Amino acid sequence: MKLIQLAASALFALTCTVLHAQAWPTKPVRLIVAGPPGGSADIVARLVAEPLSKAWGQPVLVEPKPGAGGSIAVGDLLASPHDGQTLLVAVNSVASEVPHIMKLRWDPLKELKPQAELARGGLVLIANPSVPAKDLKELIAYAKTKPNTIAYASYSPGTMSHVLGLILNQAAGIDLVHVGYKGSTAALQDVMGGHVPLMFDGIATSLPMIKAGKVKAIAVSTPKRMPQLPDVPTFHELGYPQMDAIGWMGLWTPPDVPAATQAKIRDAVMKVLADPALRTRLLETGFDNGAGATPEELQKGLQADSERVGRVLKSIGFEPE
């Protein structure tokens, strides 16, 4: 009799889970954004929110939560019910870089699951127009004539914007001096003002300044040339394949969201990303659309990126705060 009761209880629980997943979403979906209003993550989130709302038959509410490298937004996600009604839009660095920058109460590689890659892009090495170098070869030669005096900005210490400068130093035998900022906007303003000559920046924020001639683009970190900057070479083609780096904007959930709900979320997102009009709008903002990688492939890439960042930062004695 007891075995029958246990079996019945298990069947009831399974049935409830299936019915809940079938009914999902039952109310407006919260789309938490790890970034400020008007930032890259917010722009991407709003581009996908409307078509996802139509697909799910519920409003999708975009809620920017800036601060602490995305960890405030992650904390909100993890504190919410793990039922798929609350989702996160954040760059991959929230799992692969932030844990090396600051001490967290959770392990993003274990407590976050990337469901889909929404958009991707690389970083671009930009320079103030006064820098006497028109390409990477000339920049490296110039840096060798001024050891320990030429600075480069990053949008935050410990991020790929910082790490790429360290890798270039090692690969090219130079010693650019790092200057860390709290966000891309302030760093970019100082590069344009000539206070810091160089910066590794995201294409979405630097592209308008490059087009306006306020900064010049030296090289990009994507393995292939960016469609927005077809005349700017990649580090890879210039002989520095170790500088390859792709940043991507993902849609995330906790891993314990019901599997059927996860499948519905990813299926809808992949259909939205297949729209050519959306890809055009992403390109206009400096991104390409996601590559269609599976959650497992994304997770594997995050682990590899985290190990790479950790090795480089450890080599200079960088410790999380």
Foldseek 3Di string as FASTA:
>chain_A
DVVVVVVVVVVVVVVVLVVLLVCPPPAEAEEEEAADVPDPQNVLCVLVQVLVCVVRVYHYHYHYDYDLQSVRSVVVQVVDDQARSYKYKYKLCVQQFSVQAAPDPDHCLQFKFFLFFFWKFWWFKKFAPVPPDDADVRNLVVQVVPAPPAEEEECAPRDLFNLLVLLCCVVSVGHHHYDYHNGDPVRVVCRLVVVHTITTGTCLVCVVCCVVVSIHTHAIQAPADQPSCNPHHHVVVVPCVVSRDMMTITMMGTPPHRPSNSVSVSVSSVVSLVDVVSQVVQVVSRIGGTPGDGSVVSSVVSVVSNVVSVVSCVVVPRGHD
